[in-house]
Amino acid sequence: MSRVTRRIQRKGLYPVSTHLAAVVLLVIIFVTAGTVMLVGLPGIGDERQGLLTELATNRAAWTAKRPAAFRYVVQRSCRCPPEDTARFIVTERPGSRSAEFPVPVESAGGEFLASPPRPLWLGELFPLIEEAARGDKQIAVEYDAAWGYPRLVRIDGGDSDAPGGKAALTVTIRDFEILRDP
């Protein structure tokens, strides 16, 4: 017959393994806290860096593939004068570019305009996106898969005039076509 003996511990004393486990747990907690303080939390800033990387990739694609002559339609949505929110057509050719309204637009001053006083060119969207991505504004961008230009840019926040939940600026580029000169 075998006899099982059990060791009875004295009150207030713990085995060495319990103390070792507590020390290891504290080391893990302090190392994790130190890493977070020095490196920062993962995910914070990653989204902004992703936007900038995507911007650089698409900007390079647009620069490499950009046709010599092309036309597109710009539609802006913002809290700005009517002449800035009206749809206009842009034509870009080597050495020249023009913008015109399909139908004359009445300005805030009451005069009719054939072309926008402050047109937004396709090439100006890249720096606009970069500035918003580096700032504190929320931004969403859709790029054209074939050409790399921004098809839709939505910038929220950072604007005291923007009502809550609405975009401070939305720019849509559509009806992109390559022009062939005779």
Protein backbone atom coordinates (compact mmCIF):
# COMPACT_ATOMS: atom_id res chain seq x y z
CA MET A 1 0.00 0.00 0.00
CA SER A 2 1.32 3.33 -0.95
CA ARG A 3 0.95 6.33 1.06
CA VAL A 4 0.36 9.71 -0.53
CA THR A 5 1.73 12.54 1.36
CA ARG A 6 0.84 16.07 0.79
CA ARG A 7 2.91 18.97 1.79
CA ILE A 8 0.97 21.61 3.60
CA GLN A 9 2.17 25.11 2.93
CA ARG A 10 2.48 27.63 5.63
CA LYS A 11 0.22 30.63 5.46
CA GLY A 12 1.65 33.65 3.64
CA LEU A 13 4.29 31.75 1.70
CA TYR A 14 4.03 30.95 -2.00
CA PRO A 15 6.13 28.61 -4.07
CA VAL A 16 9.02 30.13 -6.04
CA SER A 17 7.19 29.50 -9.35
CA THR A 18 4.37 31.86 -8.32
CA HIS A 19 6.86 34.65 -7.60
CA LEU A 20 8.62 34.00 -10.89
CA ALA A 21 5.32 34.14 -12.79
CA ALA A 22 4.46 37.47 -11.16
CA VAL A 23 7.87 38.93 -12.08
CA VAL A 24 7.53 37.73 -15.70
CA LEU A 25 4.03 39.25 -15.92
CA LEU A 26 5.31 42.60 -14.63
CA VAL A 27 8.21 42.55 -17.10
CA ILE A 28 5.77 41.89 -19.97
CA ILE A 29 3.53 44.76 -18.86
CA PHE A 30 6.43 47.24 -18.57
CA VAL A 31 8.01 46.21 -21.87
CA THR A 32 4.65 46.56 -23.67
CA ALA A 33 4.01 49.96 -22.09
CA GLY A 34 7.50 51.14 -23.00
CA THR A 35 7.10 49.97 -26.59
CA VAL A 36 3.78 51.79 -26.94
CA MET A 37 5.26 54.97 -25.50
CA LEU A 38 8.34 54.88 -27.72
CA VAL A 39 6.87 53.54 -30.96
CA GLY A 40 3.24 54.53 -30.64
CA LEU A 41 0.13 52.47 -30.99
CA PRO A 42 -0.10 50.43 -34.17
CA GLY A 43 -2.78 51.75 -36.50
CA ILE A 44 -2.45 55.40 -35.49
CA GLY A 45 -0.95 57.18 -38.48
CA ASP A 46 -0.95 54.00 -40.57
CA GLU A 47 -4.09 55.16 -42.38
CA ARG A 48 -2.50 58.52 -43.23
CA GLN A 49 0.66 56.79 -44.43
CA GLY A 50 -1.48 54.46 -46.54
CA LEU A 51 -3.21 57.47 -48.14
CA LEU A 52 0.14 59.07 -48.93
CA THR A 53 1.51 55.83 -50.40
CA GLU A 54 -1.60 55.38 -52.54
CA LEU A 55 -1.32 59.02 -53.63
CA ALA A 56 2.33 58.61 -54.66
CA THR A 57 1.55 55.43 -56.61
CA ASN A 58 -1.35 57.01 -58.49
CA ARG A 59 0.49 60.30 -59.07
CA ALA A 60 3.34 58.34 -60.67
CA ALA A 61 0.86 56.38 -62.80
CA TRP A 62 -0.83 59.60 -63.95
CA THR A 63 2.51 61.24 -64.75
CA ALA A 64 3.65 58.21 -66.77
CA LYS A 65 0.38 57.61 -68.65
CA ARG A 66 -0.98 61.13 -68.99
CA PRO A 67 -2.20 61.72 -72.54
CA ALA A 68 -1.12 64.83 -74.46
CA ALA A 69 -4.65 66.18 -74.88
CA PHE A 70 -7.73 65.30 -72.84
CA ARG A 71 -11.09 66.59 -71.62
CA TYR A 72 -13.06 65.97 -68.43
CA VAL A 73 -15.96 67.33 -66.38
CA VAL A 74 -15.46 68.75 -62.88
CA GLN A 75 -18.24 68.92 -60.30
CA ARG A 76 -17.49 70.54 -56.94
CA SER A 77 -19.62 70.51 -53.84
CA CYS A 78 -18.71 72.95 -51.10
CA ARG A 79 -19.96 75.89 -49.08
CA CYS A 80 -18.83 78.40 -51.67
CA PRO A 81 -20.32 80.73 -54.31
CA PRO A 82 -22.54 79.23 -57.05
CA GLU A 83 -19.88 79.77 -59.71
CA ASP A 84 -17.59 77.39 -57.76
CA THR A 85 -20.18 74.63 -57.42
CA ALA A 86 -21.42 74.61 -61.03
CA ARG A 87 -20.26 71.76 -63.26
CA PHE A 88 -17.66 72.79 -65.86
CA ILE A 89 -15.74 71.18 -68.71
CA VAL A 90 -11.95 71.30 -68.82
CA THR A 91 -9.85 70.81 -71.94
CA GLU A 92 -6.11 70.37 -71.55
CA ARG A 93 -3.77 70.38 -74.55
CA PRO A 94 -0.01 70.80 -74.74
CA GLY A 95 0.70 74.38 -73.70
CA SER A 96 -2.92 75.35 -73.04
CA ARG A 97 -5.88 74.53 -70.87
CA SER A 98 -9.37 75.96 -70.72
CA ALA A 99 -12.49 75.62 -68.58
CA GLU A 100 -16.03 76.53 -69.52
CA PHE A 101 -19.55 76.07 -68.23
CA PRO A 102 -21.87 74.08 -70.50
CA VAL A 103 -24.52 76.76 -69.81
CA PRO A 104 -23.73 80.26 -68.48
CA VAL A 105 -23.88 80.40 -64.67
CA GLU A 106 -25.09 83.32 -62.60
CA SER A 107 -22.45 84.34 -60.09
CA ALA A 108 -23.01 85.50 -56.52
CA GLY A 109 -22.65 89.06 -57.86
CA GLY A 110 -25.49 88.57 -60.36
CA GLU A 111 -23.45 88.48 -63.57
CA PHE A 112 -23.53 85.55 -66.01
CA LEU A 113 -20.25 83.70 -66.49
CA ALA A 114 -19.19 81.52 -69.42
CA SER A 115 -16.16 80.09 -67.59
CA PRO A 116 -15.40 79.44 -63.92
CA PRO A 117 -13.38 82.19 -62.23
CA ARG A 118 -11.49 79.61 -60.11
CA PRO A 119 -11.28 76.38 -62.13
CA LEU A 120 -9.86 73.29 -60.50
CA TRP A 121 -7.42 71.45 -62.75
CA LEU A 122 -6.73 67.73 -62.51
CA GLY A 123 -3.08 68.30 -61.62
CA GLU A 124 -4.09 70.49 -58.65
CA LEU A 125 -5.92 67.60 -57.00
CA PHE A 126 -2.73 65.72 -56.09
CA PRO A 127 -1.29 68.51 -53.87
CA LEU A 128 -4.78 69.10 -52.40
CA ILE A 129 -5.03 65.43 -51.42
CA GLU A 130 -1.50 65.44 -49.99
CA GLU A 131 -2.17 68.54 -47.87
CA ALA A 132 -5.38 67.04 -46.48
CA ALA A 133 -3.71 63.66 -45.79
CA ARG A 134 -0.87 65.35 -43.88
CA GLY A 135 -3.30 67.55 -41.92
CA ASP A 136 -6.06 66.77 -39.47
CA LYS A 137 -8.82 66.47 -42.09
CA GLN A 138 -10.71 63.29 -42.91
CA ILE A 139 -10.23 62.39 -46.56
CA ALA A 140 -11.55 59.76 -48.95
CA VAL A 141 -10.18 59.36 -52.47
CA GLU A 142 -11.09 57.11 -55.38
CA TYR A 143 -8.57 56.85 -58.21
CA ASP A 144 -9.15 55.86 -61.82
CA ALA A 145 -7.76 52.33 -62.22
CA ALA A 146 -6.51 52.88 -65.78
CA TRP A 147 -4.98 56.37 -65.54
CA GLY A 148 -4.31 57.01 -61.85
CA TYR A 149 -6.03 60.40 -61.60
CA PRO A 150 -8.38 61.09 -58.65
CA ARG A 151 -12.00 60.50 -59.73
CA LEU A 152 -13.52 61.44 -56.38
CA VAL A 153 -12.03 63.48 -53.55
CA ARG A 154 -13.97 64.08 -50.35
CA ILE A 155 -12.41 66.18 -47.60
CA ASP A 156 -14.18 66.56 -44.26
CA GLY A 157 -13.32 68.49 -41.13
CA GLY A 158 -10.79 71.16 -40.40
CA ASP A 159 -13.26 73.74 -41.72
CA SER A 160 -15.25 75.76 -39.19
CA ASP A 161 -17.89 76.56 -41.84
CA ALA A 162 -18.59 72.92 -42.65
CA PRO A 163 -21.79 71.66 -41.03
CA GLY A 164 -21.44 68.47 -39.03
CA GLY A 165 -21.51 65.31 -41.12
CA LYS A 166 -21.15 67.09 -44.45
CA ALA A 167 -18.08 67.30 -46.61
CA ALA A 168 -16.16 70.55 -46.59
CA LEU A 169 -15.22 69.81 -50.21
CA THR A 170 -16.16 67.10 -52.67
CA VAL A 171 -14.67 67.05 -56.17
CA THR A 172 -15.82 64.60 -58.82
CA ILE A 173 -13.98 64.12 -62.12
CA ARG A 174 -16.03 62.32 -64.76
CA ASP A 175 -16.41 61.83 -68.50
CA PHE A 176 -12.65 61.67 -69.03
CA GLU A 177 -11.79 61.45 -72.73
CA ILE A 178 -8.60 61.52 -74.75
CA LEU A 179 -8.60 64.06 -77.56
CA ARG A 180 -7.11 63.23 -80.92
CA ASP A 181 -5.87 66.18 -82.93
CA PRO A 182 -6.42 65.92 -86.71
